[in-house]
Amino acid sequence: MKKLPFFAVVIAVLALFTQTATAGISFNFVSEPGAWMKFDGTANTFDFSPDPVSFADFSITGSSPTGLATFKGTIAGPFNVGTVSTFGPLQTASVLLPLGTFVVLDGATPLTATLDWVDISTYGTAGALNALGTANLTGITYTGSNSVLNAIKNGTGQTLSLSFSFTPAKTLTQLMADGTLSRTSYSGTFYAVPEPSSVALLGMGALGALAFVWRRRRS
């Protein structure tokens, strides 16, 4: 079998290291069947209500690395909304203090974080929370053994975004009006950067692979 040139092996190993080291931790989630994002008639607020059976707001559909699928969690508010700004069909407003809470359960042990939605927006039938993907989870705690949740706790730039929709369309002004009652299902994404120590270990592994290849070539 033909051997690859050493420089080709170097490039391949370094490319693998770079791809792995820069890849983030992520997961997707959807609202539970009986859970809702709700605008319950109190002016300039929104909240989340859990499924009456599972008592969870959402379930995770997949993660990278794997290990979180089917985990459930909660989103606790209520969340207050500032003045609505209009730019053609786009309406947006800041989500104000106090902050909320975001929880993921590994079956027994909760990962808990303080949640700042940053902003809320609507555009036609679509709506979003933290549409620009600003890092918005802080004070993360977790004492369980799940490796992905521990990586999330120890990582940086933990970001949560959420999307929702109404058909027919509802503007943010309509949703924020006093006396209205609207609710919708939703989906969301999470992203975080791995902790530096994990990246360093990956780098050591890549260098070790290069050293192994070099020794094999010289033997």
N, C-alpha and C. Protein backbone atom coordinates (compact mmCIF):
# COMPACT_ATOMS: atom_id res chain seq x y z
N MET A 1 0.84 -1.19 0.00
CA MET A 1 0.00 0.00 0.00
C MET A 1 0.88 1.25 0.00
N LYS A 2 0.53 2.22 -0.85
CA LYS A 2 1.35 3.43 -1.00
C LYS A 2 1.23 4.30 0.25
N LYS A 3 2.39 4.78 0.75
CA LYS A 3 2.39 5.63 1.94
C LYS A 3 2.13 7.09 1.55
N LEU A 4 1.39 7.78 2.40
CA LEU A 4 1.18 9.20 2.19
C LEU A 4 2.46 9.97 2.51
N PRO A 5 2.77 11.03 1.76
CA PRO A 5 3.90 11.88 2.13
C PRO A 5 3.71 12.42 3.54
N PHE A 6 4.83 12.59 4.25
CA PHE A 6 4.72 13.03 5.64
C PHE A 6 4.00 14.37 5.77
N PHE A 7 4.25 15.31 4.84
CA PHE A 7 3.61 16.61 4.96
C PHE A 7 2.10 16.49 4.80
N ALA A 8 1.64 15.52 4.02
CA ALA A 8 0.20 15.30 3.86
C ALA A 8 -0.42 14.80 5.16
N VAL A 9 0.31 13.91 5.85
CA VAL A 9 -0.16 13.42 7.15
C VAL A 9 -0.23 14.56 8.15
N VAL A 10 0.80 15.44 8.14
CA VAL A 10 0.82 16.60 9.04
C VAL A 10 -0.41 17.47 8.81
N ILE A 11 -0.68 17.76 7.56
CA ILE A 11 -1.83 18.62 7.23
C ILE A 11 -3.13 17.97 7.67
N ALA A 12 -3.26 16.67 7.44
CA ALA A 12 -4.49 15.96 7.79
C ALA A 12 -4.73 15.98 9.30
N VAL A 13 -3.67 15.71 10.07
CA VAL A 13 -3.80 15.68 11.52
C VAL A 13 -4.11 17.07 12.07
N LEU A 14 -3.40 18.09 11.56
CA LEU A 14 -3.66 19.44 12.03
C LEU A 14 -5.05 19.91 11.64
N ALA A 15 -5.52 19.51 10.47
CA ALA A 15 -6.88 19.87 10.06
C ALA A 15 -7.91 19.25 10.98
N LEU A 16 -7.69 17.98 11.35
CA LEU A 16 -8.59 17.30 12.28
C LEU A 16 -8.60 17.99 13.63
N PHE A 17 -7.41 18.36 14.11
CA PHE A 17 -7.31 19.05 15.39
C PHE A 17 -8.04 20.38 15.35
N THR A 18 -7.83 21.16 14.28
CA THR A 18 -8.45 22.48 14.17
C THR A 18 -9.97 22.36 14.14
N GLN A 19 -10.47 21.38 13.35
CA GLN A 19 -11.91 21.21 13.25
C GLN A 19 -12.51 20.84 14.60
N THR A 20 -11.86 19.92 15.32
CA THR A 20 -12.39 19.47 16.60
C THR A 20 -12.26 20.56 17.66
N ALA A 21 -11.13 21.25 17.67
CA ALA A 21 -10.88 22.24 18.71
C ALA A 21 -11.78 23.45 18.59
N THR A 22 -12.18 23.80 17.34
CA THR A 22 -13.00 24.98 17.16
C THR A 22 -14.48 24.66 17.16
N ALA A 23 -14.83 23.37 17.09
CA ALA A 23 -16.24 23.00 17.11
C ALA A 23 -16.82 23.29 18.48
N GLY A 24 -18.03 23.82 18.50
CA GLY A 24 -18.66 24.14 19.76
C GLY A 24 -19.53 23.00 20.27
N ILE A 25 -20.08 23.22 21.44
CA ILE A 25 -21.06 22.31 22.03
C ILE A 25 -22.42 22.88 21.68
N SER A 26 -23.31 22.06 21.14
CA SER A 26 -24.61 22.59 20.73
C SER A 26 -25.71 21.57 20.97
N PHE A 27 -26.93 22.07 21.09
CA PHE A 27 -28.09 21.18 21.08
C PHE A 27 -29.31 21.95 20.58
N ASN A 28 -30.27 21.18 20.06
CA ASN A 28 -31.55 21.72 19.61
C ASN A 28 -32.65 21.24 20.53
N PHE A 29 -33.69 22.04 20.69
CA PHE A 29 -34.80 21.63 21.54
C PHE A 29 -36.12 22.13 20.97
N VAL A 30 -37.20 21.46 21.35
CA VAL A 30 -38.55 21.84 20.94
C VAL A 30 -39.45 21.83 22.16
N SER A 31 -40.51 22.62 22.09
CA SER A 31 -41.46 22.65 23.20
C SER A 31 -42.16 21.31 23.35
N GLU A 32 -42.43 20.92 24.57
CA GLU A 32 -43.19 19.71 24.85
C GLU A 32 -44.61 19.84 24.26
N PRO A 33 -45.29 18.71 24.01
CA PRO A 33 -46.60 18.77 23.33
C PRO A 33 -47.62 19.71 23.98
N GLY A 34 -47.65 19.76 25.30
CA GLY A 34 -48.61 20.62 25.98
C GLY A 34 -48.01 21.86 26.58
N ALA A 35 -46.78 22.22 26.14
CA ALA A 35 -46.09 23.41 26.67
C ALA A 35 -46.20 24.55 25.67
N TRP A 36 -46.17 25.80 26.20
CA TRP A 36 -46.39 26.95 25.34
C TRP A 36 -45.49 28.13 25.72
N MET A 37 -45.16 28.91 24.73
CA MET A 37 -44.72 30.28 24.97
C MET A 37 -46.00 31.10 24.96
N LYS A 38 -46.23 31.90 25.99
CA LYS A 38 -47.54 32.53 26.11
C LYS A 38 -47.44 34.03 26.35
N PHE A 39 -48.38 34.73 25.77
CA PHE A 39 -48.59 36.15 25.97
C PHE A 39 -49.99 36.24 26.60
N ASP A 40 -50.04 36.36 27.92
CA ASP A 40 -51.26 36.04 28.65
C ASP A 40 -52.14 37.23 29.01
N GLY A 41 -51.95 38.35 28.31
CA GLY A 41 -52.84 39.48 28.54
C GLY A 41 -52.28 40.54 29.45
N THR A 42 -51.14 40.29 30.09
CA THR A 42 -50.48 41.32 30.89
C THR A 42 -49.56 42.11 29.98
N ALA A 43 -49.77 43.42 29.90
CA ALA A 43 -49.05 44.24 28.93
C ALA A 43 -47.54 44.09 29.06
N ASN A 44 -46.87 43.95 27.91
CA ASN A 44 -45.41 43.97 27.83
C ASN A 44 -44.73 42.85 28.61
N THR A 45 -45.36 41.68 28.63
CA THR A 45 -44.73 40.51 29.26
C THR A 45 -45.01 39.26 28.43
N PHE A 46 -44.15 38.27 28.61
CA PHE A 46 -44.42 36.93 28.08
C PHE A 46 -43.81 35.92 29.05
N ASP A 47 -44.23 34.67 28.91
CA ASP A 47 -43.74 33.63 29.83
C ASP A 47 -43.85 32.28 29.13
N PHE A 48 -43.52 31.23 29.86
CA PHE A 48 -43.59 29.87 29.35
C PHE A 48 -44.38 29.01 30.32
N SER A 49 -45.22 28.13 29.79
CA SER A 49 -45.99 27.22 30.64
C SER A 49 -45.61 25.79 30.30
N PRO A 50 -45.41 24.92 31.30
CA PRO A 50 -44.94 23.55 31.06
C PRO A 50 -46.06 22.63 30.60
N ASP A 51 -45.66 21.49 30.05
CA ASP A 51 -46.60 20.44 29.72
C ASP A 51 -47.20 19.88 31.02
N PRO A 52 -48.52 19.71 31.10
CA PRO A 52 -49.12 19.26 32.36
C PRO A 52 -48.80 17.82 32.73
N VAL A 53 -48.28 17.05 31.79
CA VAL A 53 -47.95 15.65 32.07
C VAL A 53 -46.49 15.51 32.47
N SER A 54 -45.58 16.04 31.65
CA SER A 54 -44.15 15.90 31.92
C SER A 54 -43.62 16.98 32.87
N PHE A 55 -44.39 18.06 33.03
CA PHE A 55 -43.99 19.23 33.84
C PHE A 55 -42.72 19.88 33.30
N ALA A 56 -42.41 19.62 32.03
CA ALA A 56 -41.26 20.21 31.37
C ALA A 56 -41.73 21.19 30.31
N ASP A 57 -40.89 22.17 30.02
CA ASP A 57 -41.20 23.12 28.95
C ASP A 57 -40.72 22.63 27.59
N PHE A 58 -39.59 21.92 27.57
CA PHE A 58 -39.02 21.51 26.29
C PHE A 58 -38.29 20.18 26.43
N SER A 59 -38.00 19.56 25.29
CA SER A 59 -37.16 18.37 25.25
C SER A 59 -36.08 18.57 24.20
N ILE A 60 -34.90 18.03 24.45
CA ILE A 60 -33.77 18.16 23.53
C ILE A 60 -33.87 17.08 22.46
N THR A 61 -33.75 17.48 21.19
CA THR A 61 -33.89 16.54 20.07
C THR A 61 -32.56 15.98 19.59
N GLY A 62 -31.47 16.66 19.89
CA GLY A 62 -30.16 16.18 19.47
C GLY A 62 -29.08 17.12 19.95
N SER A 63 -27.86 16.61 20.07
CA SER A 63 -26.76 17.44 20.56
C SER A 63 -25.46 17.03 19.91
N SER A 64 -24.50 17.93 19.95
CA SER A 64 -23.14 17.66 19.48
C SER A 64 -22.15 18.22 20.51
N PRO A 65 -21.37 17.35 21.18
CA PRO A 65 -21.34 15.89 21.09
C PRO A 65 -22.69 15.27 21.50
N THR A 66 -22.88 14.00 21.14
CA THR A 66 -24.11 13.32 21.51
C THR A 66 -24.16 13.09 23.02
N GLY A 67 -25.36 12.85 23.53
CA GLY A 67 -25.48 12.55 24.95
C GLY A 67 -26.58 13.31 25.66
N LEU A 68 -27.31 14.19 24.93
CA LEU A 68 -28.37 14.97 25.58
C LEU A 68 -29.75 14.69 25.01
N ALA A 69 -29.85 13.94 23.92
CA ALA A 69 -31.14 13.70 23.28
C ALA A 69 -32.13 13.10 24.28
N THR A 70 -33.33 13.61 24.27
CA THR A 70 -34.48 13.25 25.13
C THR A 70 -34.43 13.92 26.50
N PHE A 71 -33.31 14.57 26.88
CA PHE A 71 -33.30 15.32 28.13
C PHE A 71 -34.35 16.43 28.05
N LYS A 72 -34.94 16.73 29.18
CA LYS A 72 -35.97 17.77 29.24
C LYS A 72 -35.49 18.94 30.09
N GLY A 73 -36.27 20.03 30.04
CA GLY A 73 -35.87 21.20 30.81
C GLY A 73 -37.00 22.20 30.97
N THR A 74 -36.71 23.28 31.67
CA THR A 74 -37.70 24.32 31.94
C THR A 74 -37.13 25.70 31.67
N ILE A 75 -38.03 26.64 31.38
CA ILE A 75 -37.70 28.05 31.19
C ILE A 75 -38.62 28.84 32.11
N ALA A 76 -38.07 29.56 33.07
CA ALA A 76 -38.88 30.24 34.07
C ALA A 76 -38.78 31.75 33.91
N GLY A 77 -39.92 32.42 33.89
CA GLY A 77 -40.02 33.88 33.81
C GLY A 77 -40.84 34.38 35.00
N PRO A 78 -41.71 35.39 34.78
CA PRO A 78 -42.04 36.02 33.51
C PRO A 78 -40.95 36.97 33.03
N PHE A 79 -41.06 37.37 31.74
CA PHE A 79 -40.09 38.24 31.11
C PHE A 79 -40.77 39.54 30.69
N ASN A 80 -40.14 40.65 31.04
CA ASN A 80 -40.70 41.96 30.75
C ASN A 80 -40.07 42.54 29.48
N VAL A 81 -40.86 43.25 28.70
CA VAL A 81 -40.44 43.76 27.40
C VAL A 81 -40.49 45.28 27.39
N GLY A 82 -39.47 45.89 26.78
CA GLY A 82 -39.38 47.34 26.69
C GLY A 82 -40.18 47.91 25.52
N THR A 83 -39.84 49.12 25.13
CA THR A 83 -40.54 49.82 24.05
C THR A 83 -40.30 49.13 22.72
N VAL A 84 -41.37 48.95 21.96
CA VAL A 84 -41.29 48.29 20.66
C VAL A 84 -40.83 49.29 19.60
N SER A 85 -39.83 48.90 18.81
CA SER A 85 -39.35 49.70 17.68
C SER A 85 -39.77 49.02 16.39
N THR A 86 -40.17 49.82 15.39
CA THR A 86 -40.67 49.29 14.12
C THR A 86 -39.77 49.72 12.97
N PHE A 87 -39.36 48.73 12.15
CA PHE A 87 -38.56 48.98 10.96
C PHE A 87 -39.22 48.24 9.81
N GLY A 88 -40.20 48.88 9.17
CA GLY A 88 -40.99 48.20 8.16
C GLY A 88 -41.76 47.06 8.79
N PRO A 89 -41.64 45.83 8.23
CA PRO A 89 -42.35 44.68 8.82
C PRO A 89 -41.69 44.11 10.07
N LEU A 90 -40.46 44.57 10.38
CA LEU A 90 -39.74 44.08 11.56
C LEU A 90 -40.09 44.92 12.78
N GLN A 91 -40.45 44.24 13.87
CA GLN A 91 -40.63 44.90 15.16
C GLN A 91 -39.73 44.23 16.18
N THR A 92 -39.08 45.02 17.01
CA THR A 92 -38.15 44.47 18.00
C THR A 92 -38.19 45.28 19.28
N ALA A 93 -37.85 44.64 20.39
CA ALA A 93 -37.81 45.31 21.69
C ALA A 93 -36.84 44.57 22.59
N SER A 94 -36.29 45.29 23.55
CA SER A 94 -35.40 44.67 24.53
C SER A 94 -36.20 43.89 25.56
N VAL A 95 -35.62 42.78 26.03
CA VAL A 95 -36.19 42.05 27.16
C VAL A 95 -35.48 42.55 28.42
N LEU A 96 -36.25 43.04 29.37
CA LEU A 96 -35.72 43.78 30.51
C LEU A 96 -35.52 42.88 31.73
N LEU A 97 -34.95 43.48 32.78
CA LEU A 97 -34.84 42.81 34.06
C LEU A 97 -36.22 42.65 34.68
N PRO A 98 -36.44 41.69 35.58
CA PRO A 98 -35.46 40.72 36.10
C PRO A 98 -35.20 39.59 35.10
N LEU A 99 -34.08 38.89 35.29
CA LEU A 99 -33.73 37.80 34.42
C LEU A 99 -34.49 36.53 34.79
N GLY A 100 -34.50 35.56 33.88
CA GLY A 100 -35.18 34.30 34.12
C GLY A 100 -34.20 33.18 34.43
N THR A 101 -34.70 31.95 34.37
CA THR A 101 -33.90 30.77 34.68
C THR A 101 -34.09 29.71 33.60
N PHE A 102 -32.98 29.08 33.21
CA PHE A 102 -33.00 28.01 32.22
C PHE A 102 -32.44 26.76 32.88
N VAL A 103 -33.15 25.63 32.74
CA VAL A 103 -32.76 24.38 33.42
C VAL A 103 -32.80 23.23 32.43
N VAL A 104 -31.76 22.39 32.46
CA VAL A 104 -31.74 21.11 31.74
C VAL A 104 -31.58 20.01 32.77
N LEU A 105 -32.40 18.96 32.68
CA LEU A 105 -32.33 17.85 33.63
C LEU A 105 -31.72 16.62 32.96
N ASP A 106 -30.72 16.02 33.62
CA ASP A 106 -30.11 14.80 33.09
C ASP A 106 -30.87 13.56 33.54
N GLY A 107 -32.03 13.75 34.11
CA GLY A 107 -32.83 12.68 34.67
C GLY A 107 -32.91 12.78 36.17
N ALA A 108 -31.93 13.42 36.77
CA ALA A 108 -31.88 13.55 38.23
C ALA A 108 -31.29 14.89 38.66
N THR A 109 -30.19 15.28 38.02
CA THR A 109 -29.44 16.46 38.44
C THR A 109 -29.66 17.62 37.47
N PRO A 110 -30.03 18.81 37.95
CA PRO A 110 -30.28 19.92 37.04
C PRO A 110 -29.01 20.71 36.71
N LEU A 111 -28.88 21.09 35.43
CA LEU A 111 -27.99 22.17 35.05
C LEU A 111 -28.84 23.43 35.07
N THR A 112 -28.42 24.42 35.84
CA THR A 112 -29.21 25.63 36.02
C THR A 112 -28.41 26.85 35.60
N ALA A 113 -29.05 27.77 34.89
CA ALA A 113 -28.39 28.99 34.44
C ALA A 113 -29.33 30.17 34.54
N THR A 114 -28.76 31.35 34.72
CA THR A 114 -29.52 32.59 34.66
C THR A 114 -29.66 32.99 33.20
N LEU A 115 -30.88 33.31 32.78
CA LEU A 115 -31.20 33.53 31.37
C LEU A 115 -31.58 34.99 31.11
N ASP A 116 -30.89 35.60 30.14
CA ASP A 116 -31.22 36.93 29.64
C ASP A 116 -31.59 36.78 28.17
N TRP A 117 -32.87 37.00 27.82
CA TRP A 117 -33.28 36.81 26.43
C TRP A 117 -32.79 37.92 25.51
N VAL A 118 -32.29 38.99 26.04
CA VAL A 118 -31.70 40.11 25.29
C VAL A 118 -32.75 40.89 24.52
N ASP A 119 -33.42 40.25 23.55
CA ASP A 119 -34.43 40.95 22.77
C ASP A 119 -35.46 39.97 22.22
N ILE A 120 -36.60 40.53 21.80
CA ILE A 120 -37.67 39.77 21.17
C ILE A 120 -38.05 40.50 19.89
N SER A 121 -38.36 39.75 18.83
CA SER A 121 -38.69 40.37 17.56
C SER A 121 -39.73 39.57 16.81
N THR A 122 -40.45 40.25 15.92
CA THR A 122 -41.38 39.59 15.01
C THR A 122 -41.17 40.14 13.60
N TYR A 123 -41.39 39.25 12.62
CA TYR A 123 -41.27 39.63 11.22
C TYR A 123 -42.25 38.75 10.45
N GLY A 124 -43.38 39.31 10.05
CA GLY A 124 -44.41 38.51 9.42
C GLY A 124 -44.95 37.47 10.39
N THR A 125 -44.96 36.21 9.97
CA THR A 125 -45.45 35.14 10.84
C THR A 125 -44.39 34.63 11.82
N ALA A 126 -43.14 35.07 11.64
CA ALA A 126 -42.03 34.54 12.44
C ALA A 126 -41.70 35.44 13.61
N GLY A 127 -41.23 34.82 14.70
CA GLY A 127 -40.77 35.56 15.86
C GLY A 127 -39.51 34.93 16.42
N ALA A 128 -38.75 35.69 17.21
CA ALA A 128 -37.49 35.18 17.73
C ALA A 128 -37.15 35.83 19.06
N LEU A 129 -36.43 35.09 19.88
CA LEU A 129 -35.79 35.60 21.09
C LEU A 129 -34.29 35.49 20.89
N ASN A 130 -33.57 36.57 21.18
CA ASN A 130 -32.12 36.61 21.00
C ASN A 130 -31.73 36.19 19.59
N ALA A 131 -32.31 36.88 18.60
CA ALA A 131 -32.13 36.50 17.20
C ALA A 131 -30.69 36.62 16.73
N LEU A 132 -29.89 37.52 17.33
CA LEU A 132 -28.51 37.72 16.89
C LEU A 132 -27.52 36.77 17.57
N GLY A 133 -28.01 35.92 18.47
CA GLY A 133 -27.13 34.93 19.09
C GLY A 133 -26.13 35.51 20.07
N THR A 134 -26.57 36.47 20.87
CA THR A 134 -25.71 37.03 21.92
C THR A 134 -25.55 36.04 23.06
N ALA A 135 -24.34 35.90 23.61
CA ALA A 135 -24.15 35.04 24.77
C ALA A 135 -25.05 35.54 25.91
N ASN A 136 -25.91 34.67 26.42
CA ASN A 136 -26.95 35.15 27.33
C ASN A 136 -27.26 34.22 28.50
N LEU A 137 -26.40 33.23 28.74
CA LEU A 137 -26.56 32.37 29.91
C LEU A 137 -25.37 32.56 30.85
N THR A 138 -25.65 32.83 32.10
CA THR A 138 -24.59 33.06 33.08
C THR A 138 -24.89 32.27 34.36
N GLY A 139 -23.89 32.23 35.24
CA GLY A 139 -24.08 31.59 36.54
C GLY A 139 -24.47 30.13 36.44
N ILE A 140 -23.86 29.41 35.51
CA ILE A 140 -24.24 28.01 35.28
C ILE A 140 -23.70 27.11 36.39
N THR A 141 -24.59 26.28 36.91
CA THR A 141 -24.20 25.30 37.94
C THR A 141 -24.65 23.91 37.51
N TYR A 142 -23.84 22.90 37.83
CA TYR A 142 -24.19 21.50 37.54
C TYR A 142 -23.26 20.62 38.35
N THR A 143 -23.82 19.63 39.05
CA THR A 143 -23.02 18.75 39.89
C THR A 143 -23.15 17.29 39.47
N GLY A 144 -23.77 17.04 38.31
CA GLY A 144 -23.96 15.68 37.84
C GLY A 144 -22.76 15.15 37.09
N SER A 145 -22.94 13.98 36.44
CA SER A 145 -21.82 13.28 35.79
C SER A 145 -21.89 13.30 34.27
N ASN A 146 -22.92 13.92 33.68
CA ASN A 146 -23.00 13.93 32.22
C ASN A 146 -21.87 14.79 31.64
N SER A 147 -21.08 14.20 30.74
CA SER A 147 -19.89 14.89 30.23
C SER A 147 -20.23 16.12 29.40
N VAL A 148 -21.31 16.06 28.63
CA VAL A 148 -21.69 17.20 27.79
C VAL A 148 -22.17 18.37 28.65
N LEU A 149 -22.99 18.09 29.66
CA LEU A 149 -23.45 19.15 30.55
C LEU A 149 -22.29 19.74 31.34
N ASN A 150 -21.32 18.92 31.71
CA ASN A 150 -20.14 19.46 32.39
C ASN A 150 -19.33 20.34 31.45
N ALA A 151 -19.24 19.96 30.18
CA ALA A 151 -18.54 20.79 29.20
C ALA A 151 -19.26 22.12 29.00
N ILE A 152 -20.58 22.09 29.01
CA ILE A 152 -21.36 23.32 28.91
C ILE A 152 -21.10 24.21 30.12
N LYS A 153 -21.10 23.63 31.30
CA LYS A 153 -20.86 24.41 32.52
C LYS A 153 -19.49 25.07 32.49
N ASN A 154 -18.49 24.36 32.00
CA ASN A 154 -17.12 24.86 32.03
C ASN A 154 -16.73 25.64 30.78
N GLY A 155 -17.62 25.70 29.81
CA GLY A 155 -17.32 26.41 28.57
C GLY A 155 -17.51 27.92 28.70
N THR A 156 -17.50 28.60 27.56
CA THR A 156 -17.70 30.05 27.52
C THR A 156 -18.69 30.40 26.42
N GLY A 157 -19.21 31.61 26.46
CA GLY A 157 -20.10 32.09 25.41
C GLY A 157 -21.38 31.29 25.28
N GLN A 158 -21.94 30.85 26.39
CA GLN A 158 -23.15 30.03 26.34
C GLN A 158 -24.33 30.86 25.82
N THR A 159 -24.89 30.41 24.71
CA THR A 159 -25.88 31.19 23.98
C THR A 159 -27.14 30.38 23.75
N LEU A 160 -28.29 30.98 24.07
CA LEU A 160 -29.59 30.36 23.84
C LEU A 160 -30.42 31.27 22.96
N SER A 161 -30.98 30.71 21.88
CA SER A 161 -31.89 31.45 21.00
C SER A 161 -33.14 30.62 20.78
N LEU A 162 -34.24 31.29 20.45
CA LEU A 162 -35.52 30.60 20.33
C LEU A 162 -36.32 31.23 19.20
N SER A 163 -37.08 30.41 18.48
CA SER A 163 -37.96 30.92 17.43
C SER A 163 -39.38 30.43 17.64
N PHE A 164 -40.35 31.24 17.20
CA PHE A 164 -41.76 30.90 17.31
C PHE A 164 -42.49 31.49 16.12
N SER A 165 -43.77 31.19 15.97
CA SER A 165 -44.51 31.73 14.84
C SER A 165 -46.00 31.79 15.16
N PHE A 166 -46.69 32.67 14.43
CA PHE A 166 -48.14 32.78 14.52
C PHE A 166 -48.70 32.85 13.10
N THR A 167 -49.74 32.06 12.83
CA THR A 167 -50.47 32.12 11.56
C THR A 167 -51.96 32.23 11.86
N PRO A 168 -52.59 33.35 11.48
CA PRO A 168 -52.03 34.51 10.77
C PRO A 168 -51.02 35.27 11.62
N ALA A 169 -50.26 36.11 10.95
CA ALA A 169 -49.17 36.83 11.62
C ALA A 169 -49.68 37.73 12.73
N LYS A 170 -48.86 37.85 13.79
CA LYS A 170 -49.12 38.79 14.87
C LYS A 170 -47.86 39.63 15.09
N THR A 171 -48.02 40.94 15.13
CA THR A 171 -46.89 41.81 15.36
C THR A 171 -46.54 41.81 16.84
N LEU A 172 -45.34 42.27 17.15
CA LEU A 172 -44.93 42.37 18.55
C LEU A 172 -45.84 43.33 19.30
N THR A 173 -46.25 44.40 18.65
CA THR A 173 -47.19 45.35 19.28
C THR A 173 -48.47 44.64 19.66
N GLN A 174 -48.99 43.79 18.78
CA GLN A 174 -50.21 43.05 19.09
C GLN A 174 -49.99 42.07 20.24
N LEU A 175 -48.87 41.40 20.25
CA LEU A 175 -48.60 40.41 21.30
C LEU A 175 -48.41 41.07 22.66
N MET A 176 -47.88 42.31 22.66
CA MET A 176 -47.60 43.01 23.91
C MET A 176 -48.80 43.79 24.44
N ALA A 177 -49.89 43.84 23.69
CA ALA A 177 -51.04 44.64 24.11
C ALA A 177 -51.71 44.04 25.33
N ASP A 178 -52.17 44.91 26.22
CA ASP A 178 -52.87 44.48 27.43
C ASP A 178 -54.20 43.85 27.06
N GLY A 179 -54.52 42.73 27.69
CA GLY A 179 -55.81 42.08 27.46
C GLY A 179 -55.80 41.03 26.36
N THR A 180 -54.69 40.87 25.65
CA THR A 180 -54.62 39.83 24.62
C THR A 180 -54.27 38.49 25.25
N LEU A 181 -54.54 37.43 24.51
CA LEU A 181 -54.17 36.09 24.98
C LEU A 181 -53.71 35.29 23.76
N SER A 182 -52.41 35.04 23.69
CA SER A 182 -51.83 34.30 22.57
C SER A 182 -50.83 33.30 23.10
N ARG A 183 -50.78 32.14 22.46
CA ARG A 183 -49.79 31.15 22.85
C ARG A 183 -49.32 30.39 21.61
N THR A 184 -48.09 29.86 21.67
CA THR A 184 -47.51 29.18 20.53
C THR A 184 -46.47 28.17 20.97
N SER A 185 -46.27 27.15 20.15
CA SER A 185 -45.14 26.24 20.35
C SER A 185 -43.86 26.93 19.88
N TYR A 186 -42.71 26.31 20.11
CA TYR A 186 -41.45 26.97 19.78
C TYR A 186 -40.34 25.94 19.62
N SER A 187 -39.23 26.39 19.09
CA SER A 187 -38.02 25.56 19.00
C SER A 187 -36.83 26.46 19.29
N GLY A 188 -35.71 25.85 19.65
CA GLY A 188 -34.56 26.66 20.01
C GLY A 188 -33.24 25.97 19.80
N THR A 189 -32.17 26.73 19.96
CA THR A 189 -30.82 26.21 19.81
C THR A 189 -29.94 26.73 20.95
N PHE A 190 -28.96 25.92 21.31
CA PHE A 190 -27.95 26.30 22.31
C PHE A 190 -26.58 26.11 21.68
N TYR A 191 -25.64 27.01 22.04
CA TYR A 191 -24.26 26.88 21.57
C TYR A 191 -23.31 27.38 22.65
N ALA A 192 -22.18 26.70 22.80
CA ALA A 192 -21.13 27.16 23.72
C ALA A 192 -19.77 26.78 23.17
N VAL A 193 -18.74 27.51 23.60
CA VAL A 193 -17.36 27.22 23.21
C VAL A 193 -16.76 26.31 24.28
N PRO A 194 -16.09 25.22 23.89
CA PRO A 194 -15.50 24.32 24.90
C PRO A 194 -14.48 25.04 25.77
N GLU A 195 -14.27 24.49 26.96
CA GLU A 195 -13.30 25.07 27.88
C GLU A 195 -11.89 24.97 27.29
N PRO A 196 -11.00 25.93 27.58
CA PRO A 196 -9.64 25.90 27.02
C PRO A 196 -8.86 24.64 27.33
N SER A 197 -9.06 24.05 28.50
CA SER A 197 -8.32 22.84 28.84
C SER A 197 -8.65 21.69 27.90
N SER A 198 -9.90 21.61 27.44
CA SER A 198 -10.28 20.57 26.49
C SER A 198 -9.57 20.77 25.17
N VAL A 199 -9.47 22.02 24.71
CA VAL A 199 -8.77 22.33 23.48
C VAL A 199 -7.29 21.98 23.60
N ALA A 200 -6.70 22.27 24.78
CA ALA A 200 -5.29 21.94 25.00
C ALA A 200 -5.06 20.44 24.93
N LEU A 201 -5.95 19.65 25.50
CA LEU A 201 -5.81 18.20 25.44
C LEU A 201 -5.89 17.70 24.01
N LEU A 202 -6.80 18.31 23.22
CA LEU A 202 -6.90 17.93 21.82
C LEU A 202 -5.60 18.24 21.08
N GLY A 203 -5.01 19.39 21.42
CA GLY A 203 -3.75 19.77 20.79
C GLY A 203 -2.64 18.80 21.12
N MET A 204 -2.57 18.37 22.38
CA MET A 204 -1.56 17.40 22.78
C MET A 204 -1.75 16.08 22.04
N GLY A 205 -3.02 15.71 21.84
CA GLY A 205 -3.30 14.48 21.09
C GLY A 205 -2.84 14.58 19.66
N ALA A 206 -3.05 15.75 19.04
CA ALA A 206 -2.61 15.94 17.65
C ALA A 206 -1.10 15.87 17.55
N LEU A 207 -0.40 16.51 18.48
CA LEU A 207 1.06 16.47 18.45
C LEU A 207 1.58 15.05 18.69
N GLY A 208 0.90 14.32 19.57
CA GLY A 208 1.29 12.94 19.80
C GLY A 208 1.14 12.09 18.55
N ALA A 209 0.06 12.34 17.80
CA ALA A 209 -0.15 11.60 16.55
C ALA A 209 0.96 11.90 15.55
N LEU A 210 1.37 13.17 15.47
CA LEU A 210 2.46 13.53 14.57
C LEU A 210 3.77 12.85 14.98
N ALA A 211 4.05 12.82 16.28
CA ALA A 211 5.27 12.18 16.76
C ALA A 211 5.26 10.70 16.43
N PHE A 212 4.10 10.06 16.57
CA PHE A 212 3.99 8.63 16.27
C PHE A 212 4.28 8.38 14.79
N VAL A 213 3.70 9.19 13.92
CA VAL A 213 3.92 9.03 12.48
C VAL A 213 5.39 9.23 12.15
N TRP A 214 6.02 10.24 12.78
CA TRP A 214 7.44 10.52 12.51
C TRP A 214 8.32 9.36 12.92
N ARG A 215 8.05 8.76 14.07
CA ARG A 215 8.84 7.61 14.54
C ARG A 215 8.67 6.42 13.59
N ARG A 216 7.46 6.20 13.12
CA ARG A 216 7.21 5.08 12.21
C ARG A 216 7.98 5.27 10.90
N ARG A 217 8.05 6.50 10.44
CA ARG A 217 8.74 6.77 9.17
C ARG A 217 10.25 6.57 9.30
N ARG A 218 10.80 6.82 10.50
CA ARG A 218 12.24 6.74 10.69
C ARG A 218 12.70 5.32 11.07
N SER A 219 11.76 4.48 11.46
CA SER A 219 12.13 3.13 11.90
C SER A 219 12.31 2.17 10.72
